[in-house]
Protein backbone atom coordinates (compact mmCIF):
# COMPACT_ATOMS: atom_id res chain seq x y z
CA MET A 1 -150.97 -156.56 -106.89
CA THR A 2 -147.21 -157.00 -107.19
CA ASP A 3 -144.57 -158.60 -105.02
CA SER A 4 -143.60 -155.11 -103.86
CA LEU A 5 -146.90 -154.96 -101.99
CA VAL A 6 -145.77 -157.63 -99.56
CA ASN A 7 -142.52 -155.74 -99.07
CA SER A 8 -144.53 -152.64 -98.21
CA LEU A 9 -145.78 -154.09 -94.93
CA GLU A 10 -144.54 -151.69 -92.31
CA ARG A 11 -144.10 -152.30 -88.60
CA ALA A 12 -143.81 -148.67 -87.62
CA THR A 13 -144.45 -147.54 -84.07
CA ASN A 14 -147.23 -144.97 -83.71
CA PRO A 15 -148.66 -143.07 -80.73
CA GLN A 16 -151.31 -145.71 -80.10
CA GLY A 17 -148.84 -148.56 -80.18
CA LEU A 18 -150.60 -150.14 -83.14
CA ARG A 19 -148.95 -151.94 -86.03
CA ARG A 20 -149.32 -150.17 -89.37
CA VAL A 21 -149.83 -152.16 -92.58
CA ALA A 22 -149.61 -150.24 -95.86
CA ILE A 23 -150.85 -151.35 -99.27
CA ASP A 24 -148.83 -148.96 -101.41
CA PRO A 25 -149.57 -148.53 -104.21
CA VAL A 26 -153.08 -149.81 -104.86
CA SER A 27 -152.73 -151.55 -108.23
CA ARG A 28 -154.92 -151.85 -111.33
CA VAL A 29 -156.56 -148.47 -110.78
CA GLU A 30 -155.95 -145.13 -112.50
CA GLY A 31 -153.72 -142.86 -110.42
CA HIS A 32 -151.84 -143.28 -107.16
CA GLY A 33 -153.34 -144.27 -103.82
CA LYS A 34 -152.58 -146.38 -100.80
CA VAL A 35 -154.42 -148.03 -97.93
CA THR A 36 -153.24 -148.00 -94.33
CA ILE A 37 -154.51 -150.48 -91.76
CA LEU A 38 -153.81 -150.19 -88.03
CA LEU A 39 -153.75 -153.48 -86.13
CA ASP A 40 -153.37 -154.23 -82.43
CA ASP A 41 -151.23 -157.03 -80.98
CA ALA A 42 -154.00 -159.55 -81.69
CA ASN A 43 -154.20 -158.48 -85.35
CA ARG A 44 -157.57 -156.84 -84.70
CA VAL A 45 -158.38 -154.06 -87.15
CA GLN A 46 -158.55 -150.68 -85.41
CA GLN A 47 -158.50 -148.30 -88.36
CA VAL A 48 -158.57 -148.49 -92.18
CA ARG A 49 -158.13 -145.54 -94.53
CA LEU A 50 -157.81 -145.00 -98.26
CA HIS A 51 -155.27 -142.25 -98.93
CA ILE A 52 -154.96 -140.40 -102.22
CA VAL A 53 -151.34 -139.35 -102.27
CA GLU A 54 -151.01 -137.38 -105.50
CA PHE A 55 -151.94 -133.72 -105.82
CA ARG A 56 -153.06 -131.98 -109.00
CA GLY A 57 -154.24 -128.39 -109.00
CA PHE A 58 -156.45 -128.21 -112.09
CA GLU A 59 -159.05 -126.08 -110.33
CA LYS A 60 -156.44 -123.38 -109.86
CA PHE A 61 -154.52 -123.33 -113.11
CA ILE A 62 -157.74 -123.29 -115.15
CA GLU A 63 -158.27 -119.83 -113.69
CA GLY A 64 -157.16 -117.09 -116.05
CA ARG A 65 -157.55 -119.19 -119.19
CA PRO A 66 -159.96 -118.23 -122.02
CA TYR A 67 -163.21 -120.14 -121.67
CA TRP A 68 -162.93 -121.70 -125.12
CA GLU A 69 -159.70 -123.48 -124.15
CA VAL A 70 -161.19 -125.22 -121.14
CA PRO A 71 -162.99 -128.21 -122.79
CA VAL A 72 -159.66 -129.29 -124.28
CA MET A 73 -157.48 -128.43 -121.27
CA VAL A 74 -159.47 -130.31 -118.65
CA GLN A 75 -159.13 -133.57 -120.57
CA ARG A 76 -155.51 -133.68 -119.45
CA LEU A 77 -156.78 -134.65 -116.03
CA CYS A 78 -156.93 -138.21 -117.30
CA GLY A 79 -156.26 -140.47 -120.27
CA ILE A 80 -158.98 -142.93 -119.24
CA CYS A 81 -162.04 -140.65 -119.11
CA PRO A 82 -161.05 -137.50 -121.05
CA VAL A 83 -164.32 -137.45 -122.98
CA SER A 84 -166.33 -137.05 -119.80
CA HIS A 85 -164.37 -133.94 -118.79
CA HIS A 86 -164.45 -132.65 -122.39
CA LEU A 87 -168.24 -132.82 -122.50
CA ALA A 88 -168.95 -131.69 -118.93
CA ALA A 89 -166.82 -128.59 -119.49
CA SER A 90 -168.53 -127.94 -122.84
CA LYS A 91 -171.96 -128.20 -121.24
CA ALA A 92 -170.91 -125.77 -118.49
CA MET A 93 -169.60 -123.29 -121.06
CA ASP A 94 -172.81 -123.60 -123.09
CA ARG A 95 -174.61 -122.21 -120.07
CA ALA A 96 -172.01 -119.62 -119.13
CA ILE A 97 -171.94 -117.94 -122.54
CA GLY A 98 -175.66 -118.20 -123.31
CA ALA A 99 -175.33 -120.93 -125.97
CA HIS A 100 -177.76 -123.39 -124.40
CA PRO A 101 -179.37 -125.46 -125.81
CA VAL A 102 -177.01 -126.57 -128.53
CA PRO A 103 -178.42 -127.60 -131.95
CA ALA A 104 -179.92 -131.06 -132.34
CA SER A 105 -177.01 -132.26 -134.50
CA ALA A 106 -174.45 -131.13 -131.91
CA GLU A 107 -176.29 -132.86 -129.08
CA ALA A 108 -176.66 -136.11 -131.07
CA ILE A 109 -172.94 -136.19 -131.85
CA ARG A 110 -172.01 -135.35 -128.25
CA ARG A 111 -174.26 -138.17 -127.05
CA LEU A 112 -172.66 -140.58 -129.49
CA MET A 113 -169.22 -139.58 -128.25
CA HIS A 114 -170.27 -139.95 -124.62
CA TYR A 115 -171.89 -143.37 -124.96
CA GLY A 116 -168.81 -144.57 -126.84
CA GLN A 117 -166.71 -143.33 -123.94
CA VAL A 118 -168.78 -145.12 -121.30
CA LEU A 119 -168.75 -148.34 -123.33
CA GLN A 120 -164.97 -148.39 -123.78
CA SER A 121 -164.28 -147.43 -120.18
CA HIS A 122 -166.59 -150.09 -118.76
CA ALA A 123 -165.01 -152.71 -121.03
CA LEU A 124 -161.52 -151.63 -119.98
CA HIS A 125 -162.37 -151.80 -116.30
CA PHE A 126 -164.30 -155.07 -116.24
CA PHE A 127 -162.17 -157.16 -118.59
CA HIS A 128 -158.68 -155.69 -118.17
CA LEU A 129 -158.60 -154.54 -114.53
CA SER A 130 -161.17 -156.53 -112.55
CA SER A 131 -161.69 -159.83 -114.38
CA PRO A 132 -158.31 -161.22 -113.21
CA ASP A 133 -159.70 -161.24 -109.65
CA LEU A 134 -163.18 -162.38 -110.63
CA LEU A 135 -162.24 -165.11 -113.11
CA LEU A 136 -158.94 -166.36 -111.66
CA GLY A 137 -159.70 -165.88 -107.97
CA PHE A 138 -158.69 -163.42 -105.28
CA ASP A 139 -155.98 -165.81 -104.06
CA SER A 140 -154.58 -166.79 -107.46
CA GLU A 141 -150.88 -166.41 -108.13
CA VAL A 142 -149.76 -162.80 -108.42
CA HIS A 143 -147.93 -163.37 -111.70
CA GLN A 144 -151.12 -164.81 -113.25
CA ARG A 145 -153.60 -162.32 -111.79
CA ASN A 146 -153.56 -159.89 -114.71
CA ILE A 147 -154.98 -159.50 -118.22
CA VAL A 148 -152.34 -161.85 -119.66
CA GLY A 149 -153.50 -164.53 -117.25
CA VAL A 150 -157.09 -163.96 -118.36
CA ILE A 151 -156.06 -164.27 -122.01
CA GLU A 152 -154.41 -167.60 -121.25
CA ALA A 153 -157.28 -168.99 -119.17
CA HIS A 154 -160.28 -167.41 -120.93
CA PRO A 155 -159.21 -166.32 -124.42
CA ASP A 156 -162.74 -165.87 -125.75
CA ILE A 157 -163.76 -163.61 -122.87
CA ALA A 158 -160.56 -161.57 -123.15
CA ARG A 159 -161.05 -161.14 -126.90
CA LYS A 160 -164.58 -159.82 -126.43
CA GLY A 161 -163.32 -157.34 -123.85
CA VAL A 162 -160.62 -156.06 -126.17
CA MET A 163 -163.03 -155.70 -129.09
CA LEU A 164 -165.68 -153.93 -127.01
CA ARG A 165 -163.15 -151.34 -125.92
CA LYS A 166 -161.79 -150.99 -129.47
CA PHE A 167 -165.28 -150.24 -130.78
CA GLY A 168 -165.90 -147.61 -128.11
CA GLN A 169 -162.59 -145.98 -128.95
CA GLU A 170 -163.57 -145.88 -132.63
CA VAL A 171 -166.81 -144.10 -131.70
CA ILE A 172 -164.74 -141.48 -129.88
CA ARG A 173 -162.39 -141.11 -132.84
CA VAL A 174 -165.14 -140.41 -135.38
CA THR A 175 -166.81 -137.84 -133.11
CA ALA A 176 -163.87 -136.17 -131.32
CA GLY A 177 -161.15 -136.43 -133.98
CA LYS A 178 -158.94 -138.89 -132.12
CA ARG A 179 -159.29 -141.63 -129.55
CA VAL A 180 -157.69 -139.77 -126.64
CA HIS A 181 -157.89 -136.03 -125.92
CA GLY A 182 -160.01 -135.11 -128.93
CA THR A 183 -161.27 -131.64 -129.84
CA GLY A 184 -164.73 -132.26 -131.29
CA SER A 185 -166.86 -130.53 -128.65
CA ILE A 186 -166.69 -126.75 -128.28
CA PRO A 187 -168.65 -124.22 -126.20
CA GLY A 188 -171.99 -123.94 -128.00
CA GLY A 189 -171.85 -127.20 -129.94
CA MET A 190 -169.52 -129.31 -132.06
CA ASN A 191 -166.91 -128.60 -134.71
CA ARG A 192 -167.51 -131.66 -136.88
CA HIS A 193 -170.15 -134.02 -138.20
CA VAL A 194 -169.72 -137.76 -138.41
CA SER A 195 -168.72 -138.74 -141.94
CA ALA A 196 -170.92 -141.15 -143.88
CA GLU A 197 -167.95 -143.51 -144.23
CA ASP A 198 -167.30 -143.58 -140.50
CA ARG A 199 -170.95 -144.12 -139.73
CA GLU A 200 -171.05 -147.16 -142.04
CA LEU A 201 -167.88 -148.49 -140.46
CA LEU A 202 -169.49 -148.40 -137.03
CA LYS A 203 -172.86 -149.70 -138.23
CA ARG A 204 -171.16 -152.76 -139.68
CA ASP A 205 -170.04 -153.91 -136.21
CA VAL A 206 -172.68 -152.55 -133.83
CA ALA A 207 -174.93 -155.64 -133.84
CA GLN A 208 -171.98 -157.81 -132.80
CA ILE A 209 -171.08 -155.28 -130.11
CA ILE A 210 -174.59 -155.49 -128.67
CA ALA A 211 -174.36 -159.29 -128.62
CA TRP A 212 -170.98 -159.21 -126.88
CA SER A 213 -172.31 -156.71 -124.37
CA GLU A 214 -175.14 -159.11 -123.56
CA ASP A 215 -172.52 -161.83 -123.06
CA ALA A 216 -170.69 -159.54 -120.62
CA VAL A 217 -173.86 -159.04 -118.58
CA ALA A 218 -174.31 -162.82 -118.50
CA ILE A 219 -170.72 -163.32 -117.29
CA ALA A 220 -171.20 -160.88 -114.42
CA GLN A 221 -174.57 -162.37 -113.51
CA GLN A 222 -173.22 -165.92 -113.58
CA LEU A 223 -170.38 -164.94 -111.25
CA HIS A 224 -172.96 -163.75 -108.73
CA ALA A 225 -175.07 -166.88 -109.11
CA ALA A 226 -172.06 -169.19 -108.76
CA ASN A 227 -171.07 -167.77 -105.36
CA ARG A 228 -173.94 -165.74 -103.97
CA ALA A 229 -172.57 -165.68 -100.43
CA LEU A 230 -169.36 -164.03 -101.63
CA TYR A 231 -170.87 -161.60 -104.10
CA ASP A 232 -173.71 -160.47 -101.85
CA GLY A 233 -171.60 -160.25 -98.70
CA PHE A 234 -168.23 -158.92 -99.83
CA GLY A 235 -167.86 -155.32 -98.63
CA SER A 236 -171.60 -154.87 -98.32
CA PHE A 237 -172.90 -151.84 -96.43
CA PRO A 238 -175.94 -149.55 -96.82
CA ALA A 239 -175.46 -146.25 -98.63
CA LYS A 240 -177.46 -143.50 -100.25
CA MET A 241 -177.40 -143.11 -104.05
CA LEU A 242 -177.04 -140.09 -106.33
CA SER A 243 -177.24 -139.76 -110.12
CA LEU A 244 -178.81 -137.95 -113.00
CA VAL A 245 -182.06 -139.34 -114.37
CA ARG A 246 -184.23 -138.28 -117.28
CA ARG A 247 -187.24 -136.22 -116.26
CA ASP A 248 -189.48 -139.26 -116.72
CA GLY A 249 -187.21 -141.33 -114.45
CA ALA A 250 -185.27 -143.18 -117.16
CA MET A 251 -181.53 -143.78 -116.94
CA GLU A 252 -179.75 -140.77 -118.43
CA LEU A 253 -176.00 -140.51 -118.88
CA TYR A 254 -175.61 -137.27 -120.87
CA ASP A 255 -178.12 -134.77 -119.48
CA GLY A 256 -180.86 -134.84 -116.88
CA VAL A 257 -181.97 -133.87 -113.39
CA LEU A 258 -180.46 -134.94 -110.08
CA ARG A 259 -182.10 -137.64 -107.99
CA ALA A 260 -180.99 -139.14 -104.67
CA ARG A 261 -182.37 -142.12 -102.74
CA ASP A 262 -181.70 -143.26 -99.20
CA GLU A 263 -180.23 -146.64 -98.35
CA HIS A 264 -183.72 -148.20 -98.36
CA GLY A 265 -184.59 -146.88 -101.82
CA ALA A 266 -186.83 -143.98 -100.76
CA ILE A 267 -186.37 -140.80 -102.78
CA LEU A 268 -184.59 -137.99 -100.91
CA LEU A 269 -184.57 -135.44 -103.73
CA ASP A 270 -185.80 -135.54 -107.30
CA GLY A 271 -186.00 -133.34 -110.37
CA ALA A 272 -183.22 -131.07 -109.08
CA ASP A 273 -181.79 -128.78 -111.76
CA ASP A 274 -178.08 -129.21 -112.39
CA GLN A 275 -177.42 -125.47 -112.25
CA GLY A 276 -178.48 -125.45 -108.59
CA TYR A 277 -176.25 -128.26 -107.34
CA ARG A 278 -174.43 -125.91 -104.92
CA GLY A 279 -177.56 -125.75 -102.79
CA LEU A 280 -177.62 -129.55 -102.58
CA ILE A 281 -174.01 -130.69 -102.24
CA ASP A 282 -171.14 -129.46 -100.10
CA GLU A 283 -167.58 -130.77 -99.68
CA GLU A 284 -165.36 -131.49 -96.69
CA VAL A 285 -161.55 -131.73 -96.50
CA LYS A 286 -159.84 -134.21 -94.17
CA PRO A 287 -156.18 -134.01 -93.16
CA TRP A 288 -155.06 -137.48 -94.32
CA THR A 289 -155.97 -137.41 -98.03
CA TYR A 290 -155.94 -135.06 -101.02
CA MET A 291 -159.45 -136.16 -102.03
CA LYS A 292 -162.50 -134.25 -100.78
CA PHE A 293 -165.62 -135.72 -99.15
CA PRO A 294 -168.91 -134.51 -100.70
CA TYR A 295 -172.20 -134.82 -98.85
CA LEU A 296 -175.85 -133.76 -99.15
CA ARG A 297 -176.28 -130.47 -97.34
CA SER A 298 -179.73 -131.42 -96.08
CA LEU A 299 -178.34 -134.42 -94.17
CA GLY A 300 -175.03 -132.99 -92.98
CA ARG A 301 -171.46 -134.26 -93.07
CA ASP A 302 -171.93 -137.42 -91.07
CA ALA A 303 -175.13 -138.76 -92.63
CA GLY A 304 -175.10 -137.10 -96.07
CA TRP A 305 -172.51 -139.17 -97.95
CA TYR A 306 -173.63 -141.35 -100.85
CA ARG A 307 -172.60 -143.61 -103.73
CA VAL A 308 -172.46 -142.74 -107.42
CA GLY A 309 -171.71 -144.79 -110.51
CA PRO A 310 -173.25 -147.92 -112.05
CA LEU A 311 -174.54 -149.45 -108.80
CA ALA A 312 -176.34 -146.20 -107.97
CA ARG A 313 -177.55 -145.41 -111.50
CA VAL A 314 -179.08 -148.82 -112.25
CA GLN A 315 -181.09 -148.63 -109.01
CA ASN A 316 -181.78 -144.89 -108.95
CA CYS A 317 -183.60 -144.84 -112.29
CA ASP A 318 -187.14 -146.16 -112.80
CA PHE A 319 -186.31 -147.87 -116.09
CA ILE A 320 -183.74 -148.03 -118.89
CA ALA A 321 -185.03 -146.84 -122.25
CA THR A 322 -183.40 -149.60 -124.34
CA PRO A 323 -185.00 -153.05 -124.33
CA ARG A 324 -182.08 -155.40 -123.70
CA ALA A 325 -180.58 -153.30 -120.92
CA GLU A 326 -184.01 -152.84 -119.33
CA ALA A 327 -184.54 -156.59 -119.25
CA ALA A 328 -181.11 -156.96 -117.62
CA ARG A 329 -181.94 -154.22 -115.10
CA ARG A 330 -185.11 -156.01 -114.07
CA GLU A 331 -183.15 -159.19 -113.34
CA PHE A 332 -180.64 -157.17 -111.35
CA VAL A 333 -183.35 -155.51 -109.26
CA ALA A 334 -185.08 -158.87 -108.72
CA TRP A 335 -181.85 -160.21 -107.21
CA GLY A 336 -182.44 -157.92 -104.25
CA SER A 337 -186.05 -159.08 -103.79
CA GLY A 338 -187.30 -155.51 -103.64
CA ALA A 339 -184.48 -154.07 -101.51
CA PRO A 340 -181.54 -152.08 -102.94
CA LEU A 341 -178.36 -154.03 -103.59
CA HIS A 342 -175.45 -152.64 -101.57
CA ALA A 343 -172.81 -155.29 -102.24
CA THR A 344 -169.56 -153.81 -103.51
CA LEU A 345 -169.08 -156.52 -106.14
CA ALA A 346 -172.53 -155.76 -107.58
CA TYR A 347 -170.88 -152.75 -109.23
CA HIS A 348 -169.52 -155.10 -111.90
CA TRP A 349 -172.92 -156.50 -112.82
CA ALA A 350 -174.45 -153.03 -112.95
CA ARG A 351 -171.48 -151.79 -115.00
CA MET A 352 -172.08 -154.41 -117.70
CA ILE A 353 -175.80 -153.55 -117.82
CA GLU A 354 -174.77 -149.97 -118.57
CA ALA A 355 -172.32 -151.15 -121.24
CA LEU A 356 -175.19 -152.98 -122.93
CA HIS A 357 -177.34 -149.85 -122.71
CA CYS A 358 -174.54 -147.81 -124.31
CA ALA A 359 -174.23 -150.27 -127.19
CA GLU A 360 -177.98 -150.06 -127.83
CA VAL A 361 -177.97 -146.24 -127.72
CA ILE A 362 -175.01 -146.10 -130.10
CA ALA A 363 -176.96 -148.26 -132.56
CA GLN A 364 -179.90 -145.84 -132.34
CA LEU A 365 -177.72 -142.76 -132.80
CA LEU A 366 -175.98 -144.25 -135.84
CA ASP A 367 -179.40 -144.28 -137.54
CA ASP A 368 -180.03 -140.61 -136.68
CA PRO A 369 -179.44 -138.38 -139.75
CA ALA A 370 -178.60 -135.49 -137.41
CA ILE A 371 -175.09 -136.87 -136.85
CA LEU A 372 -174.35 -136.39 -140.58
CA SER A 373 -175.72 -132.90 -141.21
CA GLY A 374 -177.37 -129.91 -139.56
CA ASP A 375 -176.31 -126.89 -137.54
CA LEU A 376 -173.39 -127.56 -135.24
CA VAL A 377 -173.09 -124.37 -133.18
CA SER A 378 -175.77 -122.51 -131.23
CA SER A 379 -176.87 -119.15 -132.63
CA GLY A 380 -177.81 -117.97 -129.16
CA THR A 381 -176.64 -114.57 -127.95
CA ARG A 382 -173.40 -114.64 -126.00
CA THR A 383 -173.88 -113.01 -122.64
CA GLY A 384 -171.63 -110.24 -121.38
CA GLY A 385 -170.90 -108.74 -118.00
CA ASN A 386 -168.84 -110.10 -115.13
CA ASP A 387 -171.25 -112.67 -113.71
CA ARG A 388 -171.32 -115.47 -116.25
CA HIS A 389 -171.74 -118.80 -114.53
CA GLY A 390 -172.33 -122.29 -115.89
CA VAL A 391 -172.56 -125.81 -114.55
CA GLY A 392 -172.17 -128.96 -116.60
CA ILE A 393 -173.16 -132.30 -115.07
CA ILE A 394 -172.72 -135.60 -116.87
CA GLU A 395 -172.74 -139.23 -115.82
CA ALA A 396 -169.14 -140.29 -116.41
CA PRO A 397 -168.33 -144.03 -116.41
CA ARG A 398 -167.50 -143.87 -112.69
CA GLY A 399 -170.44 -141.68 -111.68
CA THR A 400 -171.77 -138.14 -111.51
CA LEU A 401 -169.27 -135.54 -112.77
CA ILE A 402 -169.72 -131.82 -112.02
CA HIS A 403 -167.90 -128.96 -113.76
CA ASP A 404 -168.64 -125.47 -112.44
CA TYR A 405 -167.14 -122.29 -113.94
CA GLU A 406 -167.41 -118.54 -113.63
CA ILE A 407 -166.18 -116.27 -116.46
CA GLY A 408 -165.24 -112.61 -116.27
CA ASP A 409 -166.08 -109.88 -118.78
CA ASP A 410 -162.66 -110.47 -120.38
CA ASP A 411 -163.72 -114.07 -121.27
CA LEU A 412 -161.23 -115.54 -118.78
CA VAL A 413 -162.18 -118.14 -116.19
CA THR A 414 -162.35 -116.59 -112.72
CA ARG A 415 -163.43 -119.66 -110.76
CA CYS A 416 -163.44 -123.43 -111.30
CA ASN A 417 -164.82 -126.20 -109.11
CA LEU A 418 -164.79 -129.85 -110.12
CA ILE A 419 -166.49 -132.66 -108.23
CA VAL A 420 -165.57 -135.86 -110.02
CA SER A 421 -167.10 -139.28 -109.73
CA THR A 422 -164.38 -140.78 -107.57
CA THR A 423 -164.63 -137.85 -105.16
CA HIS A 424 -168.36 -138.49 -104.72
CA ASN A 425 -167.46 -142.13 -103.90
CA ASN A 426 -164.69 -141.24 -101.45
CA GLN A 427 -166.56 -142.04 -98.25
CA ALA A 428 -168.14 -145.12 -99.82
CA MET A 429 -164.73 -146.47 -100.85
CA ASN A 430 -163.42 -145.92 -97.33
CA GLU A 431 -166.45 -147.75 -95.95
CA ALA A 432 -165.81 -150.60 -98.40
CA VAL A 433 -162.18 -151.11 -97.39
CA ARG A 434 -163.14 -150.98 -93.71
CA ALA A 435 -165.87 -153.56 -94.21
CA VAL A 436 -163.57 -155.90 -96.13
CA ALA A 437 -160.69 -155.45 -93.67
CA ARG A 438 -162.88 -156.32 -90.71
CA GLN A 439 -164.44 -159.24 -92.59
CA TYR A 440 -161.23 -160.85 -93.86
CA LEU A 441 -158.23 -159.46 -91.97
CA ASP A 442 -159.46 -159.09 -88.40
CA GLY A 443 -157.50 -161.38 -86.09
CA ARG A 444 -155.82 -163.32 -88.91
CA GLU A 445 -152.28 -163.69 -90.14
CA LEU A 446 -151.89 -161.44 -93.14
CA THR A 447 -151.23 -162.94 -96.56
CA GLU A 448 -150.95 -161.42 -100.01
CA GLY A 449 -154.31 -162.91 -100.97
CA LEU A 450 -156.06 -161.42 -97.96
CA LEU A 451 -154.58 -158.00 -98.66
CA ASN A 452 -155.65 -158.31 -102.30
CA ARG A 453 -159.25 -158.32 -101.08
CA ILE A 454 -158.79 -154.71 -100.00
CA GLU A 455 -157.74 -153.83 -103.53
CA VAL A 456 -160.64 -155.80 -104.99
CA ALA A 457 -163.02 -153.62 -102.98
CA ILE A 458 -161.40 -150.42 -104.25
CA ARG A 459 -161.26 -151.63 -107.86
CA ALA A 460 -164.99 -152.36 -107.85
CA TYR A 461 -165.58 -148.60 -107.78
CA ASP A 462 -163.27 -148.17 -110.80
CA PRO A 463 -161.67 -145.13 -109.16
CA CYS A 464 -159.89 -142.51 -111.23
CA LEU A 465 -157.58 -141.10 -108.58
CA SER A 466 -155.84 -138.55 -110.82
CA CYS A 467 -159.18 -136.92 -111.62
CA ALA A 468 -160.17 -136.79 -107.99
CA THR A 469 -157.24 -134.88 -106.49
CA HIS A 470 -157.89 -131.16 -106.61
CA ALA A 471 -157.51 -128.14 -104.36
CA LEU A 472 -160.15 -126.76 -102.03
CA GLY A 473 -158.64 -123.98 -99.96
CA ARG A 474 -155.57 -125.05 -97.98
CA MET A 475 -154.75 -128.69 -98.53
CA PRO A 476 -153.39 -130.98 -95.79
CA LEU A 477 -149.86 -132.33 -96.01
CA ASP A 478 -148.25 -135.24 -94.16
CA VAL A 479 -144.43 -135.38 -94.27
CA ALA A 480 -142.49 -138.23 -92.66
CA LEU A 481 -138.70 -138.53 -92.27
CA VAL A 482 -137.66 -142.20 -92.43
CA ASN A 483 -134.16 -143.57 -91.83
CA ALA A 484 -132.42 -146.29 -93.86
CA GLN A 485 -133.91 -149.01 -91.63
CA GLY A 486 -137.46 -147.80 -92.29
CA ALA A 487 -138.05 -146.27 -88.87
CA VAL A 488 -139.90 -142.94 -88.70
CA ILE A 489 -137.55 -140.31 -87.21
CA ASP A 490 -139.84 -137.30 -87.48
CA GLN A 491 -143.28 -136.54 -88.83
CA VAL A 492 -145.11 -133.27 -89.40
CA LEU A 493 -148.78 -132.89 -90.28
CA LYS A 494 -150.08 -129.68 -91.81
CA SER A 495 -153.84 -129.58 -91.28
CA ALA A 496 -156.39 -128.09 -93.66
CA ASP A 497 -156.47 -124.93 -91.50
CA GLY A 498 -152.71 -124.48 -92.00
CA SER A 499 -151.67 -125.47 -88.45
CA LEU A 500 -148.68 -127.78 -87.93
CA HIS A 501 -148.68 -130.82 -85.64
CA ARG A 502 -145.97 -133.30 -84.68
């Protein structure tokens, strides 16, 4: 949070006579968003909303492009999680052109790339973006509450975070060709093996990376133990959970079946094939944000929203198939004494358990000879006709990521729908900021530290706001005319149905 945040407090008159407080922009997240809070004369919280204020139309300008361009194009959604879009699009195209399954070598290299991506992203988020709040305190000085402040106060922790991310980026480089926006994955497989030299380079450091990942889990766990009342109570609210799992119930980040649990841990759906997600999930548009609201069709708009990401995945699976991460998962589950953990800050602990799992999987894959040699592209028959459809679902660092494409008989994309992790978490993030606002802001004089708690709640979800802003039919638009003194002179709202309101 910067000093400009305090200056963004607005005392604008609205139809209800409530005072409007804006946190704009939300800092230390990817993309642009803001939070508005409506307070009455007694500083009681009446409304809290997370607004995504940027608009990007990837779902539309993908249409008309050749299918083989898409896995590279969609990466430009984001510089933080490009690998996730690269692989989800590739998996969708595998299906659409009849090139599924890909050869064993291609899948092993894709998995290596993906687990490197999740490792580096989790390290970036925990150490660079969230640790300033967790290690220095929510009310610490603004000029210190950043990665530089962490380096000064906790140099050993900061160094481990930097090195964990560096290793994950190296895994991406050797599999995708470069660290950001690589080209390794193609429809039907991969275009490169891992070189023997690169494999040895990674193998040299992987044991240390596993050890540092275990240290990261311990840091997150110790933070919870040191202040259980805060970590269990901050922004806590019950929510359903959605993720991929392996068919035997294990955690699965690259490929699997869909599973959902209710807020008490009971299974709502299980073993659902990714190609049939449309029958399970629908999306709603609301007039005050460019981000959609997904929900489970069977439960409806009001009751069907859910969480995705580390907090959901660690509790949605039955076990983790690597020993150190499984031991850490068991301790995490035991913290809830048999009930699901719904605390917003528990995302960080779960995130580090996943980072440890990724490091262990990378070590296993580096010993797999398939990454060095073998067929790279499927020999399956490419399908023709004008009804080629494919879905690719992957567990991105922030949660379940869905790419859905249709291809015409001219090999051009005719339809694209993306439901990204942050979009799945939209309602949950709004619930989190409401819970924190009512817990910490209600009836109190506002301070920078109190407002920072709103941002802490959002950051726990590690949102990627650029990825999450896409078009679904007619998008809402809110235009305000403000004079030099900051007073609103005129305001027009264009609703999702195209109607205008003043």
